[in-house]
Amino acid sequence: MFYYGARDSWRLCDALAVKHYGDNPAKVREFVKEFGVLREMGFSPNKVAEVLAMYDNDREKAVWHFLNGST
């Protein structure tokens, strides 16, 4: 696993990835990858996890969500 941020962020990431995509290893890996990218952009781990789940790991939609102030 890549560590782009604090270990606590990764624990949250892993837990949420399994919660949302537990029976789909490919989706879990995708979630973890996109989580790292969005965390590197400076977004908070809780919001990143929430928005990725909302948009089924679609990074472009997640970034649009953050940049347009959607809540």
PDB file of N, CA and C in Angstrom:
ATOM      1  N   MET A   1       0.848  -1.181   0.000  1.00  0.00           N
ATOM      2  CA  MET A   1       0.000   0.000   0.000  1.00  0.00           C
ATOM      3  C   MET A   1       0.891   1.241   0.000  1.00  0.00           C
ATOM      4  N   PHE A   2       0.447   2.268  -0.668  1.00  0.00           N
ATOM      5  CA  PHE A   2       1.159   3.536  -0.697  1.00  0.00           C
ATOM      6  C   PHE A   2       0.709   4.381   0.485  1.00  0.00           C
ATOM      7  N   TYR A   3       1.643   5.114   1.053  1.00  0.00           N
ATOM      8  CA  TYR A   3       1.295   5.995   2.173  1.00  0.00           C
ATOM      9  C   TYR A   3       1.530   7.435   1.759  1.00  0.00           C
ATOM     10  N   TYR A   4       0.456   8.115   1.410  1.00  0.00           N
ATOM     11  CA  TYR A   4       0.527   9.521   1.006  1.00  0.00           C
ATOM     12  C   TYR A   4       0.250  10.451   2.169  1.00  0.00           C
ATOM     13  N   GLY A   5      -0.271   9.935   3.248  1.00  0.00           N
ATOM     14  CA  GLY A   5      -0.658  10.782   4.372  1.00  0.00           C
ATOM     15  C   GLY A   5      -0.441  10.053   5.670  1.00  0.00           C
ATOM     16  N   ALA A   6      -1.070  10.538   6.709  1.00  0.00           N
ATOM     17  CA  ALA A   6      -0.933   9.944   8.027  1.00  0.00           C
ATOM     18  C   ALA A   6      -1.537   8.542   8.049  1.00  0.00           C
ATOM     19  N   ARG A   7      -1.007   7.712   8.904  1.00  0.00           N
ATOM     20  CA  ARG A   7      -1.519   6.338   9.028  1.00  0.00           C
ATOM     21  C   ARG A   7      -2.993   6.314   9.402  1.00  0.00           C
ATOM     22  N   ASP A   8      -3.433   7.247  10.210  1.00  0.00           N
ATOM     23  CA  ASP A   8      -4.843   7.282  10.587  1.00  0.00           C
ATOM     24  C   ASP A   8      -5.733   7.482   9.367  1.00  0.00           C
ATOM     25  N   SER A   9      -5.289   8.284   8.436  1.00  0.00           N
ATOM     26  CA  SER A   9      -6.054   8.486   7.201  1.00  0.00           C
ATOM     27  C   SER A   9      -6.172   7.178   6.440  1.00  0.00           C
ATOM     28  N   TRP A  10      -5.102   6.400   6.432  1.00  0.00           N
ATOM     29  CA  TRP A  10      -5.140   5.130   5.708  1.00  0.00           C
ATOM     30  C   TRP A  10      -6.003   4.099   6.411  1.00  0.00           C
ATOM     31  N   ARG A  11      -6.018   4.133   7.730  1.00  0.00           N
ATOM     32  CA  ARG A  11      -6.920   3.224   8.448  1.00  0.00           C
ATOM     33  C   ARG A  11      -8.364   3.544   8.088  1.00  0.00           C
ATOM     34  N   LEU A  12      -8.683   4.816   8.060  1.00  0.00           N
ATOM     35  CA  LEU A  12     -10.022   5.251   7.671  1.00  0.00           C
ATOM     36  C   LEU A  12     -10.294   4.830   6.224  1.00  0.00           C
ATOM     37  N   CYS A  13      -9.359   5.054   5.357  1.00  0.00           N
ATOM     38  CA  CYS A  13      -9.507   4.702   3.946  1.00  0.00           C
ATOM     39  C   CYS A  13      -9.780   3.215   3.791  1.00  0.00           C
ATOM     40  N   ASP A  14      -8.959   2.391   4.423  1.00  0.00           N
ATOM     41  CA  ASP A  14      -9.133   0.944   4.321  1.00  0.00           C
ATOM     42  C   ASP A  14     -10.489   0.512   4.842  1.00  0.00           C
ATOM     43  N   ALA A  15     -10.875   1.036   5.994  1.00  0.00           N
ATOM     44  CA  ALA A  15     -12.157   0.654   6.598  1.00  0.00           C
ATOM     45  C   ALA A  15     -13.327   1.050   5.702  1.00  0.00           C
ATOM     46  N   LEU A  16     -13.292   2.249   5.160  1.00  0.00           N
ATOM     47  CA  LEU A  16     -14.383   2.705   4.310  1.00  0.00           C
ATOM     48  C   LEU A  16     -14.404   1.987   2.962  1.00  0.00           C
ATOM     49  N   ALA A  17     -13.240   1.688   2.428  1.00  0.00           N
ATOM     50  CA  ALA A  17     -13.182   0.945   1.167  1.00  0.00           C
ATOM     51  C   ALA A  17     -13.829  -0.423   1.334  1.00  0.00           C
ATOM     52  N   VAL A  18     -13.493  -1.091   2.419  1.00  0.00           N
ATOM     53  CA  VAL A  18     -14.070  -2.411   2.658  1.00  0.00           C
ATOM     54  C   VAL A  18     -15.562  -2.291   2.969  1.00  0.00           C
ATOM     55  N   LYS A  19     -15.942  -1.252   3.693  1.00  0.00           N
ATOM     56  CA  LYS A  19     -17.361  -1.055   4.008  1.00  0.00           C
ATOM     57  C   LYS A  19     -18.183  -0.902   2.732  1.00  0.00           C
ATOM     58  N   HIS A  20     -17.687  -0.105   1.796  1.00  0.00           N
ATOM     59  CA  HIS A  20     -18.442   0.185   0.579  1.00  0.00           C
ATOM     60  C   HIS A  20     -18.284  -0.884  -0.506  1.00  0.00           C
ATOM     61  N   TYR A  21     -17.107  -1.504  -0.578  1.00  0.00           N
ATOM     62  CA  TYR A  21     -16.825  -2.413  -1.689  1.00  0.00           C
ATOM     63  C   TYR A  21     -16.239  -3.742  -1.220  1.00  0.00           C
ATOM     64  N   GLY A  22     -16.573  -4.162  -0.009  1.00  0.00           N
ATOM     65  CA  GLY A  22     -15.959  -5.337   0.609  1.00  0.00           C
ATOM     66  C   GLY A  22     -15.898  -6.578  -0.252  1.00  0.00           C
ATOM     67  N   ASP A  23     -16.892  -6.821  -1.065  1.00  0.00           N
ATOM     68  CA  ASP A  23     -16.912  -8.027  -1.873  1.00  0.00           C
ATOM     69  C   ASP A  23     -16.356  -7.808  -3.279  1.00  0.00           C
ATOM     70  N   ASN A  24     -15.729  -6.669  -3.498  1.00  0.00           N
ATOM     71  CA  ASN A  24     -15.202  -6.346  -4.819  1.00  0.00           C
ATOM     72  C   ASN A  24     -13.777  -5.802  -4.688  1.00  0.00           C
ATOM     73  N   PRO A  25     -12.771  -6.689  -4.728  1.00  0.00           N
ATOM     74  CA  PRO A  25     -11.381  -6.251  -4.525  1.00  0.00           C
ATOM     75  C   PRO A  25     -10.919  -5.174  -5.512  1.00  0.00           C
ATOM     76  N   ALA A  26     -11.401  -5.222  -6.740  1.00  0.00           N
ATOM     77  CA  ALA A  26     -10.989  -4.211  -7.728  1.00  0.00           C
ATOM     78  C   ALA A  26     -11.483  -2.829  -7.316  1.00  0.00           C
ATOM     79  N   LYS A  27     -12.720  -2.740  -6.818  1.00  0.00           N
ATOM     80  CA  LYS A  27     -13.267  -1.449  -6.377  1.00  0.00           C
ATOM     81  C   LYS A  27     -12.544  -0.958  -5.129  1.00  0.00           C
ATOM     82  N   VAL A  28     -12.150  -1.872  -4.232  1.00  0.00           N
ATOM     83  CA  VAL A  28     -11.395  -1.483  -3.032  1.00  0.00           C
ATOM     84  C   VAL A  28     -10.072  -0.870  -3.447  1.00  0.00           C
ATOM     85  N   ARG A  29      -9.356  -1.514  -4.363  1.00  0.00           N
ATOM     86  CA  ARG A  29      -8.070  -0.966  -4.836  1.00  0.00           C
ATOM     87  C   ARG A  29      -8.263   0.396  -5.497  1.00  0.00           C
ATOM     88  N   GLU A  30      -9.311   0.521  -6.302  1.00  0.00           N
ATOM     89  CA  GLU A  30      -9.605   1.797  -6.973  1.00  0.00           C
ATOM     90  C   GLU A  30      -9.884   2.890  -5.943  1.00  0.00           C
ATOM     91  N   PHE A  31     -10.671   2.569  -4.926  1.00  0.00           N
ATOM     92  CA  PHE A  31     -10.991   3.520  -3.864  1.00  0.00           C
ATOM     93  C   PHE A  31      -9.712   3.989  -3.174  1.00  0.00           C
ATOM     94  N   VAL A  32      -8.844   3.043  -2.820  1.00  0.00           N
ATOM     95  CA  VAL A  32      -7.601   3.379  -2.119  1.00  0.00           C
ATOM     96  C   VAL A  32      -6.723   4.272  -2.994  1.00  0.00           C
ATOM     97  N   LYS A  33      -6.631   3.957  -4.271  1.00  0.00           N
ATOM     98  CA  LYS A  33      -5.831   4.777  -5.196  1.00  0.00           C
ATOM     99  C   LYS A  33      -6.373   6.201  -5.279  1.00  0.00           C
ATOM    100  N   GLU A  34      -7.667   6.330  -5.520  1.00  0.00           N
ATOM    101  CA  GLU A  34      -8.262   7.662  -5.660  1.00  0.00           C
ATOM    102  C   GLU A  34      -8.235   8.431  -4.348  1.00  0.00           C
ATOM    103  N   PHE A  35      -8.378   7.726  -3.237  1.00  0.00           N
ATOM    104  CA  PHE A  35      -8.269   8.351  -1.926  1.00  0.00           C
ATOM    105  C   PHE A  35      -6.905   9.034  -1.791  1.00  0.00           C
ATOM    106  N   GLY A  36      -5.849   8.324  -2.153  1.00  0.00           N
ATOM    107  CA  GLY A  36      -4.500   8.884  -2.068  1.00  0.00           C
ATOM    108  C   GLY A  36      -4.319  10.116  -2.927  1.00  0.00           C
ATOM    109  N   VAL A  37      -4.841  10.068  -4.140  1.00  0.00           N
ATOM    110  CA  VAL A  37      -4.718  11.206  -5.060  1.00  0.00           C
ATOM    111  C   VAL A  37      -5.440  12.424  -4.486  1.00  0.00           C
ATOM    112  N   LEU A  38      -6.661  12.232  -4.018  1.00  0.00           N
ATOM    113  CA  LEU A  38      -7.436  13.362  -3.486  1.00  0.00           C
ATOM    114  C   LEU A  38      -6.858  13.887  -2.180  1.00  0.00           C
ATOM    115  N   ARG A  39      -6.287  13.006  -1.362  1.00  0.00           N
ATOM    116  CA  ARG A  39      -5.631  13.469  -0.130  1.00  0.00           C
ATOM    117  C   ARG A  39      -4.417  14.316  -0.478  1.00  0.00           C
ATOM    118  N   GLU A  40      -3.669  13.932  -1.504  1.00  0.00           N
ATOM    119  CA  GLU A  40      -2.506  14.720  -1.921  1.00  0.00           C
ATOM    120  C   GLU A  40      -2.925  16.105  -2.403  1.00  0.00           C
ATOM    121  N   MET A  41      -4.150  16.232  -2.896  1.00  0.00           N
ATOM    122  CA  MET A  41      -4.667  17.532  -3.322  1.00  0.00           C
ATOM    123  C   MET A  41      -5.057  18.395  -2.130  1.00  0.00           C
ATOM    124  N   GLY A  42      -5.069  17.810  -0.937  1.00  0.00           N
ATOM    125  CA  GLY A  42      -5.315  18.586   0.272  1.00  0.00           C
ATOM    126  C   GLY A  42      -6.710  18.463   0.858  1.00  0.00           C
ATOM    127  N   PHE A  43      -7.543  17.601   0.306  1.00  0.00           N
ATOM    128  CA  PHE A  43      -8.891  17.443   0.843  1.00  0.00           C
ATOM    129  C   PHE A  43      -8.858  16.562   2.088  1.00  0.00           C
ATOM    130  N   SER A  44      -9.788  16.799   3.008  1.00  0.00           N
ATOM    131  CA  SER A  44      -9.805  16.066   4.277  1.00  0.00           C
ATOM    132  C   SER A  44     -10.167  14.595   4.056  1.00  0.00           C
ATOM    133  N   PRO A  45      -9.579  13.708   4.850  1.00  0.00           N
ATOM    134  CA  PRO A  45      -9.818  12.277   4.644  1.00  0.00           C
ATOM    135  C   PRO A  45     -11.285  11.872   4.779  1.00  0.00           C
ATOM    136  N   ASN A  46     -11.982  12.431   5.738  1.00  0.00           N
ATOM    137  CA  ASN A  46     -13.390  12.063   5.918  1.00  0.00           C
ATOM    138  C   ASN A  46     -14.224  12.477   4.714  1.00  0.00           C
ATOM    139  N   LYS A  47     -14.005  13.685   4.214  1.00  0.00           N
ATOM    140  CA  LYS A  47     -14.770  14.165   3.058  1.00  0.00           C
ATOM    141  C   LYS A  47     -14.383  13.397   1.794  1.00  0.00           C
ATOM    142  N   VAL A  48     -13.106  13.093   1.648  1.00  0.00           N
ATOM    143  CA  VAL A  48     -12.667  12.331   0.476  1.00  0.00           C
ATOM    144  C   VAL A  48     -13.374  10.986   0.441  1.00  0.00           C
ATOM    145  N   ALA A  49     -13.378  10.286   1.552  1.00  0.00           N
ATOM    146  CA  ALA A  49     -14.021   8.970   1.605  1.00  0.00           C
ATOM    147  C   ALA A  49     -15.513   9.076   1.299  1.00  0.00           C
ATOM    148  N   GLU A  50     -16.151  10.069   1.872  1.00  0.00           N
ATOM    149  CA  GLU A  50     -17.587  10.269   1.660  1.00  0.00           C
ATOM    150  C   GLU A  50     -17.906  10.553   0.193  1.00  0.00           C
ATOM    151  N   VAL A  51     -17.141  11.456  -0.404  1.00  0.00           N
ATOM    152  CA  VAL A  51     -17.409  11.868  -1.781  1.00  0.00           C
ATOM    153  C   VAL A  51     -17.045  10.759  -2.770  1.00  0.00           C
ATOM    154  N   LEU A  52     -15.967  10.034  -2.531  1.00  0.00           N
ATOM    155  CA  LEU A  52     -15.639   8.916  -3.415  1.00  0.00           C
ATOM    156  C   LEU A  52     -16.741   7.867  -3.398  1.00  0.00           C
ATOM    157  N   ALA A  53     -17.254   7.572  -2.233  1.00  0.00           N
ATOM    158  CA  ALA A  53     -18.343   6.603  -2.141  1.00  0.00           C
ATOM    159  C   ALA A  53     -19.581   7.125  -2.874  1.00  0.00           C
ATOM    160  N   MET A  54     -19.831   8.413  -2.732  1.00  0.00           N
ATOM    161  CA  MET A  54     -20.995   9.036  -3.375  1.00  0.00           C
ATOM    162  C   MET A  54     -20.920   8.927  -4.900  1.00  0.00           C
ATOM    163  N   TYR A  55     -19.712   9.079  -5.442  1.00  0.00           N
ATOM    164  CA  TYR A  55     -19.526   9.090  -6.893  1.00  0.00           C
ATOM    165  C   TYR A  55     -18.859   7.817  -7.424  1.00  0.00           C
ATOM    166  N   ASP A  56     -18.933   6.735  -6.674  1.00  0.00           N
ATOM    167  CA  ASP A  56     -18.421   5.429  -7.096  1.00  0.00           C
ATOM    168  C   ASP A  56     -16.981   5.513  -7.603  1.00  0.00           C
ATOM    169  N   ASN A  57     -16.134   6.169  -6.823  1.00  0.00           N
ATOM    170  CA  ASN A  57     -14.692   6.291  -7.084  1.00  0.00           C
ATOM    171  C   ASN A  57     -14.339   7.146  -8.299  1.00  0.00           C
ATOM    172  N   ASP A  58     -15.239   7.940  -8.780  1.00  0.00           N
ATOM    173  CA  ASP A  58     -14.970   8.788  -9.941  1.00  0.00           C
ATOM    174  C   ASP A  58     -14.247  10.058  -9.476  1.00  0.00           C
ATOM    175  N   ARG A  59     -12.958  10.107  -9.742  1.00  0.00           N
ATOM    176  CA  ARG A  59     -12.133  11.224  -9.277  1.00  0.00           C
ATOM    177  C   ARG A  59     -12.587  12.555  -9.861  1.00  0.00           C
ATOM    178  N   GLU A  60     -12.906  12.587 -11.141  1.00  0.00           N
ATOM    179  CA  GLU A  60     -13.322  13.846 -11.762  1.00  0.00           C
ATOM    180  C   GLU A  60     -14.579  14.403 -11.112  1.00  0.00           C
ATOM    181  N   LYS A  61     -15.547  13.556 -10.864  1.00  0.00           N
ATOM    182  CA  LYS A  61     -16.765  14.006 -10.196  1.00  0.00           C
ATOM    183  C   LYS A  61     -16.477  14.450  -8.771  1.00  0.00           C
ATOM    184  N   ALA A  62     -15.576  13.749  -8.090  1.00  0.00           N
ATOM    185  CA  ALA A  62     -15.225  14.119  -6.721  1.00  0.00           C
ATOM    186  C   ALA A  62     -14.548  15.493  -6.683  1.00  0.00           C
ATOM    187  N   VAL A  63     -13.610  15.716  -7.589  1.00  0.00           N
ATOM    188  CA  VAL A  63     -12.932  17.018  -7.642  1.00  0.00           C
ATOM    189  C   VAL A  63     -13.936  18.111  -7.972  1.00  0.00           C
ATOM    190  N   TRP A  64     -14.823  17.866  -8.931  1.00  0.00           N
ATOM    191  CA  TRP A  64     -15.855  18.838  -9.270  1.00  0.00           C
ATOM    192  C   TRP A  64     -16.690  19.152  -8.043  1.00  0.00           C
ATOM    193  N   HIS A  65     -17.040  18.145  -7.285  1.00  0.00           N
ATOM    194  CA  HIS A  65     -17.826  18.311  -6.057  1.00  0.00           C
ATOM    195  C   HIS A  65     -17.094  19.248  -5.096  1.00  0.00           C
ATOM    196  N   PHE A  66     -15.812  18.993  -4.869  1.00  0.00           N
ATOM    197  CA  PHE A  66     -15.044  19.815  -3.940  1.00  0.00           C
ATOM    198  C   PHE A  66     -14.885  21.248  -4.446  1.00  0.00           C
ATOM    199  N   LEU A  67     -14.583  21.413  -5.721  1.00  0.00           N
ATOM    200  CA  LEU A  67     -14.305  22.739  -6.255  1.00  0.00           C
ATOM    201  C   LEU A  67     -15.555  23.591  -6.415  1.00  0.00           C
ATOM    202  N   ASN A  68     -16.707  22.973  -6.497  1.00  0.00           N
ATOM    203  CA  ASN A  68     -17.940  23.712  -6.633  1.00  0.00           C
ATOM    204  C   ASN A  68     -18.685  23.894  -5.318  1.00  0.00           C
ATOM    205  N   GLY A  69     -18.013  23.537  -4.236  1.00  0.00           N
ATOM    206  CA  GLY A  69     -18.570  23.796  -2.922  1.00  0.00           C
ATOM    207  C   GLY A  69     -19.788  22.969  -2.574  1.00  0.00           C
ATOM    208  N   SER A  70     -19.992  21.861  -3.246  1.00  0.00           N
ATOM    209  CA  SER A  70     -21.125  21.000  -2.912  1.00  0.00           C
ATOM    210  C   SER A  70     -20.913  20.408  -1.535  1.00  0.00           C
ATOM    211  N   THR A  71     -22.024  20.222  -0.834  1.00  0.00           N
ATOM    212  CA  THR A  71     -21.904  19.635   0.505  1.00  0.00           C
ATOM    213  C   THR A  71     -22.553  18.297   0.575  1.00  0.00           C
TER     214      THR A  71
END
